[in-house]
Structures are given as structure tokens and as C-alpha cells.
Protein backbone atom coordinates (compact mmCIF):
# COMPACT_ATOMS: atom_id res chain seq x y z
CA MET A 1 61.28 11.32 74.00
CA GLU A 2 63.07 14.17 72.22
CA LYS A 3 66.43 12.45 72.90
CA SER A 4 65.12 9.19 71.37
CA GLU A 5 63.95 11.04 68.26
CA ASN A 6 67.35 12.74 67.92
CA ASN A 7 69.13 9.38 68.23
CA LEU A 8 66.83 7.89 65.58
CA LEU A 9 67.52 10.79 63.20
CA LYS A 10 71.29 10.49 63.77
CA TRP A 11 71.11 6.77 63.04
CA LEU A 12 69.06 7.29 59.86
CA ARG A 13 71.55 9.92 58.65
CA SER A 14 74.45 7.53 59.31
CA LEU A 15 73.01 4.86 56.96
CA GLY A 16 73.85 6.64 53.67
CA PRO A 17 77.21 5.11 52.63
CA GLY A 18 76.17 1.56 53.60
CA MET A 19 72.90 1.91 51.67
CA ILE A 20 74.78 3.18 48.59
CA THR A 21 77.15 0.20 48.75
CA ALA A 22 74.21 -2.23 49.11
CA ALA A 23 72.37 -0.63 46.17
CA LEU A 24 75.37 -0.70 43.82
CA VAL A 25 76.27 -4.33 44.71
CA PHE A 26 72.68 -5.59 44.25
CA GLY A 27 72.43 -5.32 40.45
CA PRO A 28 70.77 -7.30 37.63
CA SER A 29 73.53 -9.95 37.65
CA LYS A 30 72.92 -10.59 41.36
CA MET A 31 69.18 -10.97 40.67
CA THR A 32 69.90 -13.46 37.88
CA ILE A 33 72.26 -15.51 40.07
CA THR A 34 69.87 -15.55 43.06
CA SER A 35 66.88 -16.41 40.83
CA LYS A 36 68.85 -19.37 39.41
CA MET A 37 69.92 -20.51 42.90
CA GLY A 38 66.29 -20.69 44.05
CA ALA A 39 64.90 -22.08 40.79
CA ILE A 40 67.41 -24.95 40.63
CA TYR A 41 68.33 -25.71 44.25
CA GLY A 42 65.30 -24.44 46.18
CA TYR A 43 66.04 -23.27 49.73
CA SER A 44 69.23 -25.34 50.12
CA LEU A 45 71.70 -22.49 49.41
CA LEU A 46 70.18 -19.87 51.75
CA TRP A 47 73.04 -20.43 54.23
CA LEU A 48 75.48 -19.10 51.62
CA VAL A 49 73.88 -15.64 51.82
CA VAL A 50 74.64 -15.48 55.56
CA VAL A 51 78.29 -16.46 54.98
CA ALA A 52 78.86 -14.02 52.09
CA ILE A 53 77.16 -11.15 53.96
CA PHE A 54 79.28 -11.82 57.06
CA PHE A 55 82.54 -11.38 55.10
CA MET A 56 81.11 -8.42 53.16
CA ALA A 57 80.25 -6.75 56.48
CA ILE A 58 83.79 -7.38 57.80
CA PHE A 59 85.42 -5.67 54.79
CA THR A 60 82.81 -2.87 54.53
CA THR A 61 83.23 -1.86 58.18
CA MET A 62 87.02 -2.07 57.72
CA ALA A 63 86.77 0.35 54.76
CA THR A 64 84.56 2.67 56.84
CA ARG A 65 87.23 2.82 59.56
CA ILE A 66 89.94 3.47 56.94
CA GLY A 67 87.88 6.38 55.58
CA VAL A 68 87.34 7.87 59.03
CA ALA A 69 90.90 7.31 60.31
CA THR A 70 92.75 8.94 57.42
CA GLU A 71 92.60 12.47 56.01
CA GLN A 72 93.55 11.28 52.51
CA SER A 73 91.93 8.84 50.08
CA LEU A 74 92.76 5.14 50.14
CA LEU A 75 94.67 5.38 46.84
CA ALA A 76 96.69 8.28 48.26
CA THR A 77 97.61 6.02 51.18
CA VAL A 78 98.54 3.25 48.73
CA ARG A 79 100.66 5.76 46.76
CA GLN A 80 102.43 6.82 49.95
CA LYS A 81 102.99 3.25 51.19
CA TRP A 82 103.74 1.28 48.00
CA GLY A 83 104.40 3.90 45.31
CA ARG A 84 102.51 5.59 42.45
CA GLY A 85 102.52 2.48 40.24
CA ALA A 86 100.46 0.46 42.73
CA ALA A 87 97.86 3.25 43.08
CA VAL A 88 97.58 3.76 39.30
CA ALA A 89 97.25 0.01 38.65
CA MET A 90 94.51 -0.24 41.27
CA GLY A 91 92.57 2.77 39.92
CA ILE A 92 92.81 1.73 36.27
CA GLY A 93 91.92 -1.87 37.14
CA VAL A 94 88.73 -0.81 38.97
CA PHE A 95 87.80 1.58 36.12
CA LEU A 96 88.19 -1.19 33.50
CA VAL A 97 86.12 -3.67 35.53
CA ALA A 98 83.38 -1.08 36.20
CA SER A 99 83.26 -0.01 32.53
CA SER A 100 83.17 -3.61 31.28
CA PHE A 101 80.29 -4.65 33.53
CA GLN A 102 78.33 -1.37 33.14
CA ALA A 103 76.57 -2.62 29.98
CA GLY A 104 74.81 -5.33 32.03
CA ASN A 105 73.32 -2.65 34.28
CA SER A 106 72.14 -0.59 31.30
CA VAL A 107 70.59 -3.68 29.70
CA GLY A 108 68.80 -4.42 33.00
CA VAL A 109 67.30 -0.90 33.13
CA GLY A 110 66.18 -1.15 29.49
CA ILE A 111 64.62 -4.62 29.85
CA ALA A 112 62.82 -3.81 33.12
CA ALA A 113 61.30 -0.56 31.81
CA GLY A 114 60.70 -1.99 28.32
CA GLU A 115 58.78 -5.00 29.65
CA LEU A 116 56.81 -2.85 32.10
CA PHE A 117 55.58 -0.60 29.27
CA HIS A 118 55.76 -3.20 26.43
CA THR A 119 58.27 -1.20 24.39
CA SER A 120 61.81 -1.58 23.06
CA PRO A 121 64.51 -1.35 25.77
CA VAL A 122 66.68 1.06 23.72
CA PRO A 123 64.82 4.34 24.45
CA TRP A 124 64.83 3.49 28.16
CA ILE A 125 68.59 2.79 28.12
CA LEU A 126 69.13 6.23 26.56
CA PHE A 127 66.66 8.00 28.86
CA PHE A 128 67.87 6.58 32.17
CA ASN A 129 71.56 6.97 31.35
CA ALA A 130 70.88 10.59 30.34
CA LEU A 131 68.97 11.07 33.61
CA ALA A 132 71.85 9.55 35.60
CA ILE A 133 74.35 11.86 33.89
CA CYS A 134 72.11 14.88 34.67
CA LEU A 135 72.05 13.87 38.36
CA LEU A 136 75.87 13.95 38.34
CA PHE A 137 75.92 17.67 37.77
CA PHE A 138 73.74 18.65 40.72
CA ARG A 139 75.76 20.92 42.98
CA SER A 140 75.68 18.41 45.84
CA PHE A 141 75.79 15.15 43.91
CA TYR A 142 76.60 13.07 47.00
CA SER A 143 73.34 14.13 48.71
CA VAL A 144 71.42 13.34 45.51
CA LEU A 145 73.19 9.96 45.25
CA GLU A 146 72.40 9.11 48.88
CA LYS A 147 68.70 10.01 48.60
CA THR A 148 68.35 8.24 45.22
CA MET A 149 69.96 5.03 46.48
CA ILE A 150 67.88 4.95 49.69
CA PHE A 151 64.72 5.50 47.60
CA LEU A 152 65.71 2.64 45.24
CA ILE A 153 66.49 0.30 48.16
CA VAL A 154 63.05 1.01 49.68
CA LEU A 155 61.47 0.50 46.22
CA MET A 156 63.24 -2.86 45.81
CA LEU A 157 62.30 -4.03 49.31
CA LEU A 158 58.62 -3.16 48.77
CA SER A 159 58.60 -4.93 45.39
CA PHE A 160 60.31 -8.09 46.62
CA ILE A 161 58.32 -8.30 49.87
CA THR A 162 55.11 -8.01 47.82
CA THR A 163 56.33 -10.83 45.55
CA LEU A 164 57.20 -12.86 48.67
CA PHE A 165 53.60 -12.39 49.85
CA TRP A 166 52.35 -13.98 46.60
CA ALA A 167 54.97 -16.76 46.70
CA LYS A 168 53.88 -18.15 50.13
CA PRO A 169 57.18 -19.97 50.87
CA ASP A 170 57.54 -22.95 53.19
CA ALA A 171 58.78 -21.53 56.52
CA ALA A 172 60.24 -24.84 57.75
CA GLU A 173 62.24 -25.37 54.54
CA MET A 174 63.45 -21.76 54.69
CA ALA A 175 64.72 -22.23 58.24
CA GLY A 176 66.41 -25.50 57.22
CA GLY A 177 68.16 -23.84 54.28
CA LEU A 178 69.46 -21.06 56.52
CA VAL A 179 70.94 -23.18 59.31
CA THR A 180 71.95 -26.39 57.47
CA PRO A 181 74.85 -25.83 55.07
CA GLU A 182 74.43 -28.06 52.04
CA VAL A 183 76.25 -28.16 48.70
CA PRO A 184 73.90 -29.80 46.16
CA GLU A 185 75.50 -31.69 43.29
CA GLY A 186 76.31 -29.34 40.38
CA SER A 187 75.87 -26.15 42.45
CA LEU A 188 79.58 -25.20 42.74
CA GLY A 189 79.48 -22.77 39.79
CA LEU A 190 76.56 -20.80 41.25
CA ILE A 191 78.13 -20.88 44.74
CA ILE A 192 81.32 -19.32 43.33
CA ALA A 193 79.42 -16.75 41.24
CA PHE A 194 77.24 -15.69 44.17
CA THR A 195 80.13 -15.48 46.66
CA ALA A 196 82.27 -13.43 44.26
CA SER A 197 79.45 -10.98 43.51
CA CYS A 198 77.96 -10.62 47.01
CA PHE A 199 81.29 -10.50 48.86
CA SER A 200 82.28 -7.56 46.65
CA ILE A 201 85.71 -6.22 47.53
CA VAL A 202 85.36 -3.31 45.09
CA GLY A 203 82.01 -2.40 46.68
CA ALA A 204 83.58 -2.56 50.14
CA LEU A 205 86.55 -0.45 49.02
CA TYR A 206 84.22 2.30 47.78
CA GLN A 207 82.82 2.63 51.30
CA ALA A 208 86.07 4.39 52.32
CA TYR A 209 85.43 7.03 49.62
CA LEU A 210 81.73 7.42 50.47
CA ILE A 211 82.41 8.02 54.15
CA GLN A 212 85.05 10.63 53.26
CA GLU A 213 82.54 12.30 50.94
CA ARG A 214 80.15 12.61 53.92
CA ILE A 215 82.95 14.00 56.08
CA ARG A 216 83.82 16.54 53.36
CA ILE A 217 80.23 17.80 53.39
CA ASN A 218 79.84 17.61 57.19
CA PRO A 219 83.17 17.33 59.12
CA ALA A 220 81.33 16.45 62.37
CA VAL A 221 80.51 13.04 60.85
CA ARG A 222 84.12 11.94 61.46
CA HIS A 223 83.44 11.77 65.19
CA GLY A 224 79.83 10.58 64.94
CA ARG A 225 78.11 7.28 64.27
CA ASN A 226 78.72 5.64 60.89
CA ASP A 227 76.49 2.60 60.39
CA SER A 228 77.59 0.57 57.38
CA ILE A 229 76.20 -2.72 58.74
CA THR A 230 72.48 -1.97 58.17
CA GLY A 231 72.94 -1.46 54.41
CA ILE A 232 74.87 -4.73 54.10
CA ILE A 233 72.19 -6.59 56.09
CA LEU A 234 69.55 -5.19 53.70
CA LEU A 235 71.70 -6.45 50.80
CA GLY A 236 71.49 -9.93 52.35
CA VAL A 237 67.74 -9.60 52.95
CA MET A 238 67.13 -8.75 49.27
CA CYS A 239 69.24 -11.75 48.15
CA LEU A 240 67.34 -14.04 50.52
CA ILE A 241 63.92 -12.82 49.33
CA VAL A 242 64.73 -13.38 45.63
CA ILE A 243 66.09 -16.90 46.32
CA VAL A 244 63.03 -17.76 48.44
CA CYS A 245 60.61 -16.43 45.79
CA ALA A 246 62.36 -18.46 43.07
CA ALA A 247 62.40 -21.55 45.33
CA ALA A 248 58.69 -21.24 46.12
CA ILE A 249 57.48 -20.31 42.62
CA LEU A 250 59.89 -21.63 39.99
CA LYS A 251 61.34 -24.84 41.45
CA PRO A 252 57.99 -26.66 41.98
CA GLN A 253 57.01 -25.77 38.37
CA GLY A 254 60.40 -26.88 37.00
CA ILE A 255 60.84 -23.44 35.39
CA SER A 256 64.47 -22.54 34.61
CA VAL A 257 65.69 -18.93 34.25
CA THR A 258 68.54 -17.42 32.27
CA SER A 259 67.98 -13.83 33.42
CA ALA A 260 66.15 -11.95 36.17
CA SER A 261 63.45 -10.83 33.72
CA ASP A 262 62.60 -14.53 33.12
CA MET A 263 61.44 -14.64 36.73
CA ALA A 264 59.00 -11.80 36.02
CA LYS A 265 57.68 -13.64 32.94
CA ALA A 266 57.16 -16.79 35.02
CA LEU A 267 55.18 -14.85 37.64
CA GLU A 268 52.57 -13.51 35.20
CA PRO A 269 50.69 -16.76 34.29
CA LEU A 270 50.81 -17.89 37.94
CA PHE A 271 49.79 -14.73 39.81
CA GLY A 272 48.76 -12.20 37.13
CA SER A 273 50.31 -9.12 35.56
CA ASN A 274 50.53 -7.21 38.88
CA ALA A 275 52.98 -9.77 40.32
CA SER A 276 55.13 -9.54 37.20
CA ALA A 277 55.03 -5.72 37.33
CA PHE A 278 56.09 -5.61 40.98
CA PHE A 279 59.08 -7.86 40.30
CA LEU A 280 60.07 -5.77 37.25
CA ILE A 281 59.95 -2.63 39.43
CA GLY A 282 62.40 -4.36 41.77
CA LEU A 283 64.61 -5.30 38.81
CA PHE A 284 64.51 -1.69 37.60
CA GLY A 285 65.58 -0.47 41.07
CA ALA A 286 68.48 -2.94 41.13
CA ALA A 287 69.63 -1.99 37.61
CA PHE A 288 69.29 1.80 37.90
CA SER A 289 71.03 1.91 41.29
CA SER A 290 73.91 -0.09 39.78
CA VAL A 291 74.05 2.16 36.70
CA ILE A 292 74.78 5.11 39.01
CA GLY A 293 76.75 3.30 41.73
CA ASN A 294 78.98 1.18 39.52
CA ALA A 295 79.87 4.18 37.33
CA SER A 296 80.63 6.25 40.45
CA VAL A 297 83.11 3.61 41.66
CA GLY A 298 84.93 3.41 38.30
CA GLY A 299 85.06 7.18 37.73
CA THR A 300 86.13 8.07 41.27
CA LEU A 301 88.92 5.47 41.46
CA LEU A 302 90.33 6.41 38.04
CA GLY A 303 90.19 10.12 38.92
CA ASP A 304 92.04 9.44 42.17
CA ALA A 305 94.65 7.26 40.42
CA LEU A 306 95.35 9.97 37.85
CA GLY A 307 95.53 12.73 40.47
CA LEU A 308 92.34 14.42 39.22
CA GLY A 309 90.56 14.29 42.57
CA SER A 310 88.98 11.67 44.79
CA ASN A 311 85.51 13.08 45.39
CA PHE A 312 82.54 14.61 43.61
CA SER A 313 83.77 18.19 44.09
CA SER A 314 86.10 17.45 41.14
CA LYS A 315 84.49 18.07 37.72
CA GLN A 316 86.98 15.66 36.15
CA VAL A 317 85.76 12.86 38.46
CA ARG A 318 82.16 13.58 37.40
CA TYR A 319 83.20 13.48 33.71
CA LEU A 320 84.87 10.08 34.28
CA VAL A 321 81.73 8.76 36.02
CA ALA A 322 79.71 9.98 33.00
CA LEU A 323 82.23 8.26 30.69
CA VAL A 324 81.55 4.88 32.37
CA MET A 325 77.81 5.42 31.85
CA VAL A 326 78.29 6.34 28.17
CA ILE A 327 80.48 3.24 27.57
CA GLY A 328 77.89 1.02 29.25
CA ALA A 329 74.97 2.50 27.30
CA PHE A 330 76.85 2.24 23.97
CA VAL A 331 77.73 -1.46 24.50
CA ALA A 332 74.18 -2.24 25.71
CA ILE A 333 72.58 -0.66 22.62
CA ARG A 334 75.19 -1.97 20.15
CA PHE A 335 75.18 -5.60 21.33
CA GLY A 336 71.94 -5.91 23.36
CA LYS A 337 73.82 -7.70 26.11
CA LEU A 338 77.28 -7.98 27.64
CA PRO A 339 79.46 -9.57 24.88
CA LEU A 340 81.35 -12.74 25.85
CA GLU A 341 84.71 -11.16 24.97
CA LEU A 342 83.98 -8.23 27.31
CA ILE A 343 82.96 -10.60 30.13
CA VAL A 344 86.23 -12.53 29.69
CA PHE A 345 88.23 -9.28 29.66
CA ALA A 346 86.49 -7.98 32.81
CA GLN A 347 86.96 -11.31 34.60
CA SER A 348 90.64 -11.39 33.60
CA VAL A 349 91.20 -7.95 35.15
CA THR A 350 89.10 -8.86 38.20
CA ILE A 351 91.22 -11.95 38.92
CA PHE A 352 94.26 -9.75 39.52
CA VAL A 353 92.65 -6.57 40.87
CA VAL A 354 90.33 -7.99 43.55
CA PRO A 355 92.92 -10.01 45.56
CA PHE A 356 95.27 -7.01 45.30
CA ILE A 357 92.60 -4.60 46.66
CA GLY A 358 91.61 -7.01 49.43
CA THR A 359 95.25 -7.39 50.52
CA VAL A 360 95.83 -3.62 50.41
CA MET A 361 92.75 -2.92 52.56
CA TYR A 362 93.80 -5.61 55.05
CA LEU A 363 97.37 -4.30 55.37
CA VAL A 364 96.31 -0.65 55.68
CA ALA A 365 93.67 -1.47 58.32
CA ASN A 366 96.26 -3.49 60.29
CA ASP A 367 98.76 -0.60 60.28
CA ALA A 368 98.45 1.25 63.61
CA SER A 369 100.60 4.17 62.33
CA ILE A 370 97.87 4.90 59.74
CA MET A 371 94.75 3.80 61.61
CA GLY A 372 95.49 4.90 65.19
CA ASP A 373 92.79 3.62 67.56
CA LYS A 374 90.75 2.40 64.55
CA VAL A 375 93.29 -0.31 63.69
CA ASN A 376 91.89 -3.84 63.15
CA LYS A 377 91.10 -5.69 66.38
CA PRO A 378 92.11 -9.41 66.71
CA PHE A 379 88.59 -10.64 65.76
CA VAL A 380 88.65 -8.63 62.50
CA LYS A 381 92.25 -9.64 61.74
CA VAL A 382 91.32 -13.34 61.95
CA PHE A 383 88.08 -13.19 59.94
CA ALA A 384 89.32 -10.65 57.39
CA GLY A 385 92.34 -12.95 56.90
CA LEU A 386 89.92 -15.83 56.32
CA GLY A 387 88.00 -13.62 53.87
CA LEU A 388 91.25 -12.96 52.00
CA LEU A 389 91.84 -16.71 51.69
CA ILE A 390 88.37 -17.04 50.14
CA ILE A 391 89.15 -14.21 47.69
CA PHE A 392 92.41 -15.86 46.60
CA ALA A 393 90.69 -19.26 46.29
CA LEU A 394 87.98 -17.71 44.07
CA ALA A 395 90.69 -16.06 41.94
CA LEU A 396 92.46 -19.43 41.45
CA VAL A 397 89.20 -21.13 40.44
CA ASN A 398 88.50 -18.29 37.99
CA VAL A 399 92.01 -18.61 36.50
CA LYS A 400 91.33 -22.29 35.84
CA GLU A 401 87.85 -21.68 34.35
CA LEU A 402 88.89 -18.64 32.33
CA PHE A 403 92.20 -19.70 30.84
CA PHE A 404 92.01 -23.52 30.78
CA ASN A 405 88.31 -24.34 30.27
CA ASN A 406 87.28 -21.37 28.10
CA PRO A 407 86.67 -22.03 24.37
CA LEU A 408 88.08 -18.56 23.57
CA PHE A 409 91.53 -19.78 24.70
CA LYS A 410 91.43 -23.19 22.98
């Protein structure tokens, strides 16, 4: 009995990095995309969640093994293998993408809290960004980050499961959507957007840093259990629940959504203010976790690229994380949303950075001289290679949409 309890505690303690990755990837933009998928196409795109989560799990576990196998950060390995220029380009690229998209997370926090308390979003944007910056300067920020993210994941799950209870989805249609791949006419844009955001290479990459942060605090973790799969499965569960709720509630009513908060507005006349409030609490959890997580990715990678440190023991890294939050809050308050020019800039950087990061992770994890007995096995080599093909295909589609079909470039 005592042995079982010890094993359970060890497993719970091993969940931290995977839960942080899940929380930072599941942000307001993911909620908007999944709400649209359900509202427009019902249950027919549920299978896509399973596919995207499978490839996300492959790359997240690969990053976990890289973090455990090496004594130095991933960018230090890149610097050693391909030179300083490659490491600096990778770090700056991730920082620019994180900073550009941070405003969307701040807007999400402001809207969720503002609509819950019927106030302007601006004070909430200021308050929660200030709170996030204060958390940064706790002595053991990683422990605070881990506990905060696990709390927010539990909060989101409770909110969405409660909404699911109200929605009363059709079980047979749900099962059909999960096991029967279908591409409805006109759905390609949402399929690409969901795959690119759920199969997040930058999120997976950060796993290598998170696991090394745990090892820095407790060196015994290097030889213990490190479960990154559970967090990624929970990421998939949250995506599935939001799609199912939108399919059960919005599609039959013909209600379209342009943002995740629209879903909350649609819930109120159908199920009352409590249903709307529960969904807004879930949106708040998604946005606030991404405010902290997304900024942590950008600040840590830039700090590592510039040689200022690769973990939260470095004050400079914490200042850079705070800088991402300040940039996001400023843009959110100044423009009220993510400006189109900033979206185009972030997507332009992403097109080049993400395939580069994916390739770097794949090559490092295949290198037995770096990885030792944690080198990629044949199964991972095949499916991670397939994942890379998907990443490059998405980049090509984005090049076409961004530079040839975008009014800003005509």
C-alpha cells in the first residue's frame, strides 16, 4: 500500500514539465480555433485532434530525452554542433514570435476577466501582467510556475467538463468524428491553423529546458521518471471538449464565432449566466497560463542565445521574460487586439524558425554521440520524420498564403 502511494506521488511529481507545456500551448487562439471548428463543422474534425496530439507527443518526449541526456541547454548543443550564428538565430526567432503573439494572451486575460465582472478589460490586463511579473521574482520561480500551471489546467478541465455537462453532446456522432477522418469542404484553413498551433514545435522545444530546470533543482530527477505524455494528452482532451461543446451548442443554432469569448456569450441565453461564467473561467485559465508560459519560452531562449543563462536562476532571463509580458500588455492596451501587421510579422518569422527548430531537434535526438542510450529509436525516427514533413508542408502553405494571397503584399 505504502509502495503504491510512493509510486503515485513520484508519478504526480513527474507531470510538471508536460503540464506546463500543455498549459502554454492551450491559449486563447487555440480556444478560438477549436470553437470555430465545432461551430462550423460539428464533430467531423475530432479525428484531427488525435493526429496533432500524436505528433506533439512524439516531439515533446523527444525534447524530454534531449533535456535528460545532455548536461547543457539545447541552444548550447546547437552552438557546439552548428556554430553561434545558428543558436542566436534560433533564440532571437523564438523571442520575436513569443513577443508578437503575447498580446493575444493579454487580450484573452482582459476579456475573460472583464466579461466575468462586467468591466473594461484594461485594468485586468495591467493587474494580471503585474501579478505574472511578481511571480517571476519568487526565489524558486520554477516551483511556482509548475504549481500555477497545474492549478490552471485543473481549473480549465473543471470549467470545460461542466460546460460539456450542459451541452449534452451526441455520443454516436462524437465517436464517428473521432474514428472517421473527414475533410469537409472549406475546412482546410482551420485544419492548417489547428495543426500548426496544436503540434507546437516551440512548445515541444521548451520541454527540454523545463526538464533541465527540474534537474537543476533536484538532480535525482535525471534518473527518475519524467512523464511528458500525460500533459499532452490533457491538451488533447481540452481541445476535444471545446470542439464538442461548440458542435453540440453552436452548430445546431447556426451561431458563428469570431473569438472564444463569443462562445461564452452564446451560452448565456441557452443555459444561463452560470454556463457563460464557467466557460469564461476556462478562457481565463487558458489566457493566463499562456501569458506566463509563452513569455517564459521567449525570455529563456533569448537569454540562452545571448549567453545570459538558460534557466530561471539567471536574473537576466527573468528580466527578458518580464520584457515579453510588458510588450504583450502594451500592444494589447494600445490596439485592443493583435494588429494585422504584427500577426503577419510573427507568421513570417514562424515560417522560417519552426521548420529549423524541428530539424535541429530531430538531428540532435538522432545523434548517438550526444544522446547515448536515449537516442531516437526506429519508431520515433520514422514518425518524427513524418512530423517534419508536415511542418515543412505547413510552412509552404503559409508562404503561399502570407506572401501571395495577402493584401498587405499586393
